[in-house]
Every structure is written in C-alpha cells, then in structure tokens.
C-alpha cells in the first residue's frame, strides 16, 4: 500500500513554491520521490527551497514565474520540461488576497479584484493549460489546485478571494470532466494555516480567537498538514479520485 504514495519518476511543478503551503508541498512531493520545480516570483526564495530539497537527497530545479503573465507561465512549463523531460503534476498554489480586495462589497477596490482574479483563477487555469500536452502524455498526469474553505463557503469581507476560490473549485470539476480519463484534476481546500499569508489576522487577538472558535480542532494547521493531502491526490493512492475537493480545514466546513 505504501508504494501507492510513491512519486518516483514524476515531475511536479509547484507555483507559489517558495514559502508557506507551497514550500511544504514542494518538499513533500520531493520526499515522496518526485523531481520538483518550485516556482515563484522571487528567485532567491525558490533557490533556498531547491537547496533544502537537494540537501535532503531530492531532485529539484528552481524557476521563476508570474502566473498572471501568460508568457511567464509558458516559460515555467518549458523550464520544467527542459530540466526533467516533462511534467506529470501541476500544483496551482500561487495565490493573493491583497488589502485592496478586502472589506465590504462597496469598499473593494476593483484593481484589487482584478489582481486576485489574475493570480488565483486565471493564473491557475493558465498553468494547467500550458502543461496540458505534458500532462496528457504522462502515465498518470494530475493537477492539484489549492483552493480554500473560501471556495466552499462564504467568508465575510473577502469577496474577490472567495469568488476566485469558488471559481477554482468549479474549474477543478469541469477540467476533470474534459481531461478524463488521461489526467486527474482535484483540489485541496485548506482552512486557516499558520503562514505569512494570514499574519495580519493573527496579529488581532479578537480575530484570531474567532477563527479558532470556528475551527473544531481548535488550532491552525501547519503547512505540512496540507502537503500530505496534496501528495495523496498526486499519487496512485488517489487513482480513482478526480473532480473532488478535499477539505483540510480542521472541521471548519463541518459546522
């Protein structure tokens, strides 16, 4: 049974792979045997992840990408193909939730809305689209989209973020239909994870406590706790799973 989780001979591209959930997923994929291409906008940060993976005996290649730019996405997939011969797994983890996109609907800045859509939704679609040929030629191509509990339920004052994550859940399901049986497409929907992404919320004791009160497990996730489910969805252990969204939320959506 353990061999079903083995990602040896697989090549995994992980966007937003320089920190937080993305870094944990990149390192988790490498620990499972995959050759990993972590990518983000900051080259130095990605190179540190690659160095860590190599120190642990894994194979990795650093790449930079702006997922909101189609040419940059094409270059990322080409770099992965050049480095390792193809792409078997695409993890769409890059995401934003800028200050300008927060607040009541009447207060949301439309530029913030546009940026959120460009990165969270358009960027994820573009990465999967650019890797389509490699994924379809792979013996077991998979896409793992990192959505959110905000893709399953509403979250106050996070309207663009929630809209894009709901959209990513929809794309996961529709893409799974079009690419079956050759490519499986699934998503993980994390709850609140202790990363830089939610630092602002955690600095406010009242908000922090309200989030914990809403979470049955009464704590925030560690990034590594999202990596395990992502590795599962990319592996043969999930060979009959496609078009699904796995909530990894400490029970948030059970209420």
C-alpha atoms as a PDB file:
ATOM      1  CA  UNK A   1       0.000   0.000   0.000  1.00  0.00           C
ATOM      2  CA  UNK A   2       2.800   2.436   0.840  1.00  0.00           C
ATOM      3  CA  UNK A   3       4.149   2.208  -2.719  1.00  0.00           C
ATOM      4  CA  UNK A   4       0.934   3.828  -3.955  1.00  0.00           C
ATOM      5  CA  UNK A   5       2.146   7.105  -2.478  1.00  0.00           C
ATOM      6  CA  UNK A   6       5.496   6.879  -4.281  1.00  0.00           C
ATOM      7  CA  UNK A   7       6.054   9.744  -6.737  1.00  0.00           C
ATOM      8  CA  UNK A   8       9.351   8.469  -8.112  1.00  0.00           C
ATOM      9  CA  UNK A   9       9.736   9.194 -11.836  1.00  0.00           C
ATOM     10  CA  UNK A  10       7.168  12.013 -11.569  1.00  0.00           C
ATOM     11  CA  UNK A  11       7.930  15.681 -12.207  1.00  0.00           C
ATOM     12  CA  UNK A  12       5.942  18.148 -10.118  1.00  0.00           C
ATOM     13  CA  UNK A  13       5.640  21.881 -10.753  1.00  0.00           C
ATOM     14  CA  UNK A  14       4.542  23.849  -7.684  1.00  0.00           C
ATOM     15  CA  UNK A  15       3.610  27.513  -8.086  1.00  0.00           C
ATOM     16  CA  UNK A  16       3.928  29.742  -5.066  1.00  0.00           C
ATOM     17  CA  UNK A  17       6.524  27.205  -4.026  1.00  0.00           C
ATOM     18  CA  UNK A  18       8.912  29.446  -2.118  1.00  0.00           C
ATOM     19  CA  UNK A  19       7.165  29.610   1.259  1.00  0.00           C
ATOM     20  CA  UNK A  20       4.236  28.503   3.364  1.00  0.00           C
ATOM     21  CA  UNK A  21       1.923  25.879   1.924  1.00  0.00           C
ATOM     22  CA  UNK A  22       3.707  25.883  -1.441  1.00  0.00           C
ATOM     23  CA  UNK A  23       7.097  25.198   0.072  1.00  0.00           C
ATOM     24  CA  UNK A  24       5.659  22.421   2.242  1.00  0.00           C
ATOM     25  CA  UNK A  25       4.023  20.823  -0.801  1.00  0.00           C
ATOM     26  CA  UNK A  26       7.216  21.077  -2.855  1.00  0.00           C
ATOM     27  CA  UNK A  27       9.219  19.442  -0.078  1.00  0.00           C
ATOM     28  CA  UNK A  28       6.503  16.834   0.466  1.00  0.00           C
ATOM     29  CA  UNK A  29       6.472  15.915  -3.221  1.00  0.00           C
ATOM     30  CA  UNK A  30      10.261  15.598  -3.171  1.00  0.00           C
ATOM     31  CA  UNK A  31      10.166  13.427  -0.050  1.00  0.00           C
ATOM     32  CA  UNK A  32       7.731  11.143  -1.919  1.00  0.00           C
ATOM     33  CA  UNK A  33      10.292  10.803  -4.720  1.00  0.00           C
ATOM     34  CA  UNK A  34       9.227  13.409  -7.270  1.00  0.00           C
ATOM     35  CA  UNK A  35      11.579  15.726  -9.117  1.00  0.00           C
ATOM     36  CA  UNK A  36      10.234  19.117  -8.143  1.00  0.00           C
ATOM     37  CA  UNK A  37      10.166  22.516  -9.831  1.00  0.00           C
ATOM     38  CA  UNK A  38       9.133  25.056  -7.191  1.00  0.00           C
ATOM     39  CA  UNK A  39       8.352  28.419  -8.742  1.00  0.00           C
ATOM     40  CA  UNK A  40       7.540  31.906  -7.526  1.00  0.00           C
ATOM     41  CA  UNK A  41       8.261  35.492  -8.451  1.00  0.00           C
ATOM     42  CA  UNK A  42      11.317  35.657  -6.179  1.00  0.00           C
ATOM     43  CA  UNK A  43      14.275  33.684  -7.497  1.00  0.00           C
ATOM     44  CA  UNK A  44      16.336  33.759  -4.301  1.00  0.00           C
ATOM     45  CA  UNK A  45      13.479  32.345  -2.216  1.00  0.00           C
ATOM     46  CA  UNK A  46      12.893  29.495  -4.667  1.00  0.00           C
ATOM     47  CA  UNK A  47      16.590  28.675  -4.769  1.00  0.00           C
ATOM     48  CA  UNK A  48      16.562  28.255  -0.992  1.00  0.00           C
ATOM     49  CA  UNK A  49      13.769  25.689  -1.317  1.00  0.00           C
ATOM     50  CA  UNK A  50      15.704  23.838  -4.015  1.00  0.00           C
ATOM     51  CA  UNK A  51      18.819  23.821  -1.824  1.00  0.00           C
ATOM     52  CA  UNK A  52      16.796  22.362   1.074  1.00  0.00           C
ATOM     53  CA  UNK A  53      15.344  19.625  -1.137  1.00  0.00           C
ATOM     54  CA  UNK A  54      18.760  18.723  -2.522  1.00  0.00           C
ATOM     55  CA  UNK A  55      20.268  18.610   0.968  1.00  0.00           C
ATOM     56  CA  UNK A  56      17.627  16.014   1.828  1.00  0.00           C
ATOM     57  CA  UNK A  57      18.611  13.932  -1.200  1.00  0.00           C
ATOM     58  CA  UNK A  58      15.864  15.056  -3.560  1.00  0.00           C
ATOM     59  CA  UNK A  59      15.942  16.465  -7.067  1.00  0.00           C
ATOM     60  CA  UNK A  60      14.755  19.985  -7.746  1.00  0.00           C
ATOM     61  CA  UNK A  61      15.110  22.828 -10.210  1.00  0.00           C
ATOM     62  CA  UNK A  62      14.368  26.461  -9.389  1.00  0.00           C
ATOM     63  CA  UNK A  63      12.126  28.504 -11.657  1.00  0.00           C
ATOM     64  CA  UNK A  64      10.589  31.957 -11.507  1.00  0.00           C
ATOM     65  CA  UNK A  65       7.074  32.730 -12.642  1.00  0.00           C
ATOM     66  CA  UNK A  66       4.431  35.401 -12.596  1.00  0.00           C
ATOM     67  CA  UNK A  67       1.302  33.321 -13.039  1.00  0.00           C
ATOM     68  CA  UNK A  68      -0.618  36.420 -14.105  1.00  0.00           C
ATOM     69  CA  UNK A  69       1.611  36.633 -17.199  1.00  0.00           C
ATOM     70  CA  UNK A  70       0.929  34.031 -19.903  1.00  0.00           C
ATOM     71  CA  UNK A  71       4.449  34.154 -21.351  1.00  0.00           C
ATOM     72  CA  UNK A  72       5.963  33.657 -17.916  1.00  0.00           C
ATOM     73  CA  UNK A  73       3.755  30.608 -17.382  1.00  0.00           C
ATOM     74  CA  UNK A  74       4.791  29.143 -20.735  1.00  0.00           C
ATOM     75  CA  UNK A  75       8.437  29.672 -19.777  1.00  0.00           C
ATOM     76  CA  UNK A  76       7.903  27.897 -16.455  1.00  0.00           C
ATOM     77  CA  UNK A  77       6.484  24.772 -18.079  1.00  0.00           C
ATOM     78  CA  UNK A  78       9.224  24.823 -20.732  1.00  0.00           C
ATOM     79  CA  UNK A  79      11.870  25.089 -17.996  1.00  0.00           C
ATOM     80  CA  UNK A  80      10.407  22.072 -16.194  1.00  0.00           C
ATOM     81  CA  UNK A  81      10.300  20.077 -19.418  1.00  0.00           C
ATOM     82  CA  UNK A  82      13.892  21.035 -20.235  1.00  0.00           C
ATOM     83  CA  UNK A  83      15.110  20.138 -16.737  1.00  0.00           C
ATOM     84  CA  UNK A  84      13.336  16.827 -16.291  1.00  0.00           C
ATOM     85  CA  UNK A  85      11.806  15.844 -19.644  1.00  0.00           C
ATOM     86  CA  UNK A  86       8.154  16.542 -18.931  1.00  0.00           C
ATOM     87  CA  UNK A  87       5.545  17.493 -16.354  1.00  0.00           C
ATOM     88  CA  UNK A  88       3.412  14.925 -14.531  1.00  0.00           C
ATOM     89  CA  UNK A  89       1.971  17.017 -11.705  1.00  0.00           C
ATOM     90  CA  UNK A  90       0.922  20.663 -11.605  1.00  0.00           C
ATOM     91  CA  UNK A  91       0.180  22.156  -8.199  1.00  0.00           C
ATOM     92  CA  UNK A  92      -1.556  25.507  -8.534  1.00  0.00           C
ATOM     93  CA  UNK A  93      -0.764  27.081  -5.186  1.00  0.00           C
ATOM     94  CA  UNK A  94       0.097  30.698  -6.070  1.00  0.00           C
ATOM     95  CA  UNK A  95      -2.480  32.997  -4.548  1.00  0.00           C
ATOM     96  CA  UNK A  96      -3.092  36.528  -3.298  1.00  0.00           C
ATOM     97  CA  UNK A  97      -5.590  38.306  -1.094  1.00  0.00           C
ATOM     98  CA  UNK A  98      -4.460  41.945  -1.293  1.00  0.00           C
ATOM     99  CA  UNK A  99      -5.576  44.649   1.103  1.00  0.00           C
ATOM    100  CA  UNK A 100      -7.385  46.450  -1.696  1.00  0.00           C
ATOM    101  CA  UNK A 101      -9.616  43.407  -2.195  1.00  0.00           C
ATOM    102  CA  UNK A 102     -10.709  43.260   1.456  1.00  0.00           C
ATOM    103  CA  UNK A 103     -13.719  44.906   3.038  1.00  0.00           C
ATOM    104  CA  UNK A 104     -17.427  45.265   2.479  1.00  0.00           C
ATOM    105  CA  UNK A 105     -18.523  44.984  -1.163  1.00  0.00           C
ATOM    106  CA  UNK A 106     -18.880  48.740  -1.553  1.00  0.00           C
ATOM    107  CA  UNK A 107     -15.307  49.268  -0.343  1.00  0.00           C
ATOM    108  CA  UNK A 108     -13.494  46.734  -2.539  1.00  0.00           C
ATOM    109  CA  UNK A 109     -11.003  48.297  -4.934  1.00  0.00           C
ATOM    110  CA  UNK A 110     -11.575  46.951  -8.453  1.00  0.00           C
ATOM    111  CA  UNK A 111      -7.849  46.849  -9.138  1.00  0.00           C
ATOM    112  CA  UNK A 112      -7.542  44.546  -6.147  1.00  0.00           C
ATOM    113  CA  UNK A 113     -10.335  42.435  -7.576  1.00  0.00           C
ATOM    114  CA  UNK A 114      -8.567  42.226 -10.925  1.00  0.00           C
ATOM    115  CA  UNK A 115      -5.261  41.199  -9.328  1.00  0.00           C
ATOM    116  CA  UNK A 116      -6.974  38.494  -7.273  1.00  0.00           C
ATOM    117  CA  UNK A 117      -8.673  37.076 -10.352  1.00  0.00           C
ATOM    118  CA  UNK A 118      -5.467  37.246 -12.410  1.00  0.00           C
ATOM    119  CA  UNK A 119      -3.417  35.274  -9.882  1.00  0.00           C
ATOM    120  CA  UNK A 120      -5.859  32.963  -8.121  1.00  0.00           C
ATOM    121  CA  UNK A 121      -8.068  31.966 -11.044  1.00  0.00           C
ATOM    122  CA  UNK A 122      -6.621  32.961 -14.400  1.00  0.00           C
ATOM    123  CA  UNK A 123      -3.108  32.006 -13.284  1.00  0.00           C
ATOM    124  CA  UNK A 124      -4.139  28.529 -12.166  1.00  0.00           C
ATOM    125  CA  UNK A 125      -6.006  27.920 -15.404  1.00  0.00           C
ATOM    126  CA  UNK A 126      -3.047  29.168 -17.453  1.00  0.00           C
ATOM    127  CA  UNK A 127      -0.602  26.846 -15.686  1.00  0.00           C
ATOM    128  CA  UNK A 128      -2.770  23.790 -16.258  1.00  0.00           C
ATOM    129  CA  UNK A 129      -3.368  24.827 -19.864  1.00  0.00           C
ATOM    130  CA  UNK A 130       0.337  25.341 -20.567  1.00  0.00           C
ATOM    131  CA  UNK A 131       1.155  21.902 -19.156  1.00  0.00           C
ATOM    132  CA  UNK A 132      -1.739  20.147 -20.920  1.00  0.00           C
ATOM    133  CA  UNK A 133       0.345  18.337 -23.537  1.00  0.00           C
ATOM    134  CA  UNK A 134       2.857  17.039 -20.993  1.00  0.00           C
ATOM    135  CA  UNK A 135       0.122  16.016 -18.582  1.00  0.00           C
ATOM    136  CA  UNK A 136      -1.764  14.122 -21.269  1.00  0.00           C
ATOM    137  CA  UNK A 137       1.391  12.330 -22.391  1.00  0.00           C
ATOM    138  CA  UNK A 138       2.224  11.371 -18.811  1.00  0.00           C
ATOM    139  CA  UNK A 139       1.327   7.982 -17.411  1.00  0.00           C
ATOM    140  CA  UNK A 140      -0.734   9.437 -14.589  1.00  0.00           C
ATOM    141  CA  UNK A 141      -0.842  13.201 -15.107  1.00  0.00           C
ATOM    142  CA  UNK A 142      -2.502  15.136 -12.287  1.00  0.00           C
ATOM    143  CA  UNK A 143      -3.439  18.681 -11.371  1.00  0.00           C
ATOM    144  CA  UNK A 144      -3.823  19.664  -7.720  1.00  0.00           C
ATOM    145  CA  UNK A 145      -5.430  23.056  -7.196  1.00  0.00           C
ATOM    146  CA  UNK A 146      -5.007  24.717  -3.820  1.00  0.00           C
ATOM    147  CA  UNK A 147      -8.407  26.221  -3.180  1.00  0.00           C
ATOM    148  CA  UNK A 148      -9.662  27.206   0.292  1.00  0.00           C
ATOM    149  CA  UNK A 149     -12.570  26.819   2.650  1.00  0.00           C
ATOM    150  CA  UNK A 150     -13.403  30.128   0.985  1.00  0.00           C
ATOM    151  CA  UNK A 151     -14.103  28.078  -2.134  1.00  0.00           C
ATOM    152  CA  UNK A 152     -16.732  26.046  -0.279  1.00  0.00           C
ATOM    153  CA  UNK A 153     -18.391  28.610   1.983  1.00  0.00           C
ATOM    154  CA  UNK A 154     -18.596  32.366   2.241  1.00  0.00           C
ATOM    155  CA  UNK A 155     -16.096  34.445   4.207  1.00  0.00           C
ATOM    156  CA  UNK A 156     -17.000  38.000   5.204  1.00  0.00           C
ATOM    157  CA  UNK A 157     -15.043  40.887   3.713  1.00  0.00           C
ATOM    158  CA  UNK A 158     -13.016  38.645   1.397  1.00  0.00           C
ATOM    159  CA  UNK A 159     -15.264  38.807  -1.667  1.00  0.00           C
ATOM    160  CA  UNK A 160     -12.711  38.645  -4.517  1.00  0.00           C
ATOM    161  CA  UNK A 161     -10.760  35.900  -2.731  1.00  0.00           C
ATOM    162  CA  UNK A 162     -13.905  33.862  -2.101  1.00  0.00           C
ATOM    163  CA  UNK A 163     -15.085  34.369  -5.677  1.00  0.00           C
ATOM    164  CA  UNK A 164     -11.786  33.181  -7.144  1.00  0.00           C
ATOM    165  CA  UNK A 165     -11.592  30.156  -4.855  1.00  0.00           C
ATOM    166  CA  UNK A 166     -15.164  29.179  -5.723  1.00  0.00           C
ATOM    167  CA  UNK A 167     -14.129  29.596  -9.353  1.00  0.00           C
ATOM    168  CA  UNK A 168     -11.102  27.374  -8.816  1.00  0.00           C
ATOM    169  CA  UNK A 169     -13.356  24.671  -7.371  1.00  0.00           C
ATOM    170  CA  UNK A 170     -15.545  24.968 -10.478  1.00  0.00           C
ATOM    171  CA  UNK A 171     -12.575  24.738 -12.825  1.00  0.00           C
ATOM    172  CA  UNK A 172     -11.368  21.679 -10.911  1.00  0.00           C
ATOM    173  CA  UNK A 173     -14.646  19.895 -11.596  1.00  0.00           C
ATOM    174  CA  UNK A 174     -15.068  20.950 -15.230  1.00  0.00           C
ATOM    175  CA  UNK A 175     -11.424  20.314 -16.131  1.00  0.00           C
ATOM    176  CA  UNK A 176     -11.648  16.859 -14.550  1.00  0.00           C
ATOM    177  CA  UNK A 177     -14.521  16.038 -16.899  1.00  0.00           C
ATOM    178  CA  UNK A 178     -12.768  17.233 -20.041  1.00  0.00           C
ATOM    179  CA  UNK A 179      -9.417  15.601 -19.281  1.00  0.00           C
ATOM    180  CA  UNK A 180     -10.666  12.249 -18.005  1.00  0.00           C
ATOM    181  CA  UNK A 181      -9.508   9.545 -18.215  1.00  0.00           C
ATOM    182  CA  UNK A 182      -5.985  10.731 -19.060  1.00  0.00           C
ATOM    183  CA  UNK A 183      -5.479  13.437 -16.428  1.00  0.00           C
ATOM    184  CA  UNK A 184      -6.938  13.632 -12.942  1.00  0.00           C
ATOM    185  CA  UNK A 185      -7.806  17.070 -11.565  1.00  0.00           C
ATOM    186  CA  UNK A 186      -8.540  17.638  -7.876  1.00  0.00           C
ATOM    187  CA  UNK A 187      -8.272  20.334  -5.242  1.00  0.00           C
ATOM    188  CA  UNK A 188      -7.442  20.718  -1.594  1.00  0.00           C
ATOM    189  CA  UNK A 189      -9.360  23.308   0.383  1.00  0.00           C
ATOM    190  CA  UNK A 190      -7.279  24.362   3.381  1.00  0.00           C
ATOM    191  CA  UNK A 191      -8.697  26.121   6.369  1.00  0.00           C
ATOM    192  CA  UNK A 192      -6.579  28.669   8.183  1.00  0.00           C
ATOM    193  CA  UNK A 193      -2.895  27.716   8.063  1.00  0.00           C
ATOM    194  CA  UNK A 194      -0.174  29.290  10.212  1.00  0.00           C
ATOM    195  CA  UNK A 195       1.774  31.047   7.441  1.00  0.00           C
ATOM    196  CA  UNK A 196       2.699  34.593   6.459  1.00  0.00           C
ATOM    197  CA  UNK A 197      -0.483  34.683   4.364  1.00  0.00           C
ATOM    198  CA  UNK A 198      -2.655  35.165   7.473  1.00  0.00           C
ATOM    199  CA  UNK A 199      -0.186  37.059   9.655  1.00  0.00           C
ATOM    200  CA  UNK A 200      -2.365  40.153   9.672  1.00  0.00           C
ATOM    201  CA  UNK A 201      -5.356  38.255  11.018  1.00  0.00           C
ATOM    202  CA  UNK A 202      -3.297  36.515  13.681  1.00  0.00           C
ATOM    203  CA  UNK A 203      -1.973  39.843  14.984  1.00  0.00           C
ATOM    204  CA  UNK A 204      -5.515  40.752  16.049  1.00  0.00           C
ATOM    205  CA  UNK A 205      -6.360  38.738  19.163  1.00  0.00           C
ATOM    206  CA  UNK A 206     -10.098  39.060  18.647  1.00  0.00           C
ATOM    207  CA  UNK A 207      -9.982  37.849  15.042  1.00  0.00           C
ATOM    208  CA  UNK A 208      -7.550  35.074  15.935  1.00  0.00           C
ATOM    209  CA  UNK A 209      -9.812  33.790  18.700  1.00  0.00           C
ATOM    210  CA  UNK A 210     -12.907  33.971  16.495  1.00  0.00           C
ATOM    211  CA  UNK A 211     -11.172  31.825  13.869  1.00  0.00           C
ATOM    212  CA  UNK A 212     -10.127  29.289  16.484  1.00  0.00           C
ATOM    213  CA  UNK A 213     -13.647  29.224  17.908  1.00  0.00           C
ATOM    214  CA  UNK A 214     -14.953  28.429  14.417  1.00  0.00           C
ATOM    215  CA  UNK A 215     -12.496  25.520  13.989  1.00  0.00           C
ATOM    216  CA  UNK A 216     -13.481  22.272  15.748  1.00  0.00           C
ATOM    217  CA  UNK A 217      -9.843  21.133  16.067  1.00  0.00           C
ATOM    218  CA  UNK A 218      -9.198  24.433  17.899  1.00  0.00           C
ATOM    219  CA  UNK A 219      -5.918  25.260  16.177  1.00  0.00           C
ATOM    220  CA  UNK A 220      -4.485  26.442  12.892  1.00  0.00           C
ATOM    221  CA  UNK A 221      -2.917  23.953  10.517  1.00  0.00           C
ATOM    222  CA  UNK A 222       0.800  23.625   9.942  1.00  0.00           C
ATOM    223  CA  UNK A 223       1.770  23.896   6.247  1.00  0.00           C
ATOM    224  CA  UNK A 224       2.952  20.279   6.277  1.00  0.00           C
ATOM    225  CA  UNK A 225      -0.605  19.200   7.089  1.00  0.00           C
ATOM    226  CA  UNK A 226      -1.689  20.480   3.675  1.00  0.00           C
ATOM    227  CA  UNK A 227       1.261  18.845   1.920  1.00  0.00           C
ATOM    228  CA  UNK A 228       0.182  15.312   2.840  1.00  0.00           C
ATOM    229  CA  UNK A 229      -3.250  15.567   1.193  1.00  0.00           C
ATOM    230  CA  UNK A 230      -1.663  17.178  -1.888  1.00  0.00           C
ATOM    231  CA  UNK A 231       0.814  14.294  -2.193  1.00  0.00           C
ATOM    232  CA  UNK A 232      -2.078  11.853  -1.824  1.00  0.00           C
ATOM    233  CA  UNK A 233      -4.052  13.482  -4.651  1.00  0.00           C
ATOM    234  CA  UNK A 234      -0.981  13.470  -6.909  1.00  0.00           C
ATOM    235  CA  UNK A 235      -0.208   9.818  -6.213  1.00  0.00           C
ATOM    236  CA  UNK A 236      -1.587   6.497  -7.387  1.00  0.00           C
ATOM    237  CA  UNK A 237      -3.237   6.146  -3.995  1.00  0.00           C
ATOM    238  CA  UNK A 238      -5.833   8.566  -5.427  1.00  0.00           C
ATOM    239  CA  UNK A 239      -6.025   6.872  -8.838  1.00  0.00           C
ATOM    240  CA  UNK A 240      -9.852   6.757  -8.745  1.00  0.00           C
ATOM    241  CA  UNK A 241     -10.248  10.308  -7.463  1.00  0.00           C
ATOM    242  CA  UNK A 242     -10.934  13.144  -9.900  1.00  0.00           C
ATOM    243  CA  UNK A 243     -13.089  16.243  -9.804  1.00  0.00           C
ATOM    244  CA  UNK A 244     -13.002  16.177  -5.992  1.00  0.00           C
ATOM    245  CA  UNK A 245     -12.275  18.856  -3.422  1.00  0.00           C
ATOM    246  CA  UNK A 246     -10.661  17.623  -0.210  1.00  0.00           C
ATOM    247  CA  UNK A 247     -11.361  19.946   2.709  1.00  0.00           C
ATOM    248  CA  UNK A 248      -8.328  20.125   5.014  1.00  0.00           C
ATOM    249  CA  UNK A 249      -9.838  22.575   7.402  1.00  0.00           C
ATOM    250  CA  UNK A 250      -9.863  21.232  10.944  1.00  0.00           C
ATOM    251  CA  UNK A 251     -13.613  20.728  10.651  1.00  0.00           C
ATOM    252  CA  UNK A 252     -14.454  24.284   9.545  1.00  0.00           C
ATOM    253  CA  UNK A 253     -16.933  23.192   6.848  1.00  0.00           C
ATOM    254  CA  UNK A 254     -18.496  20.513   9.078  1.00  0.00           C
ATOM    255  CA  UNK A 255     -20.345  23.178  11.062  1.00  0.00           C
END
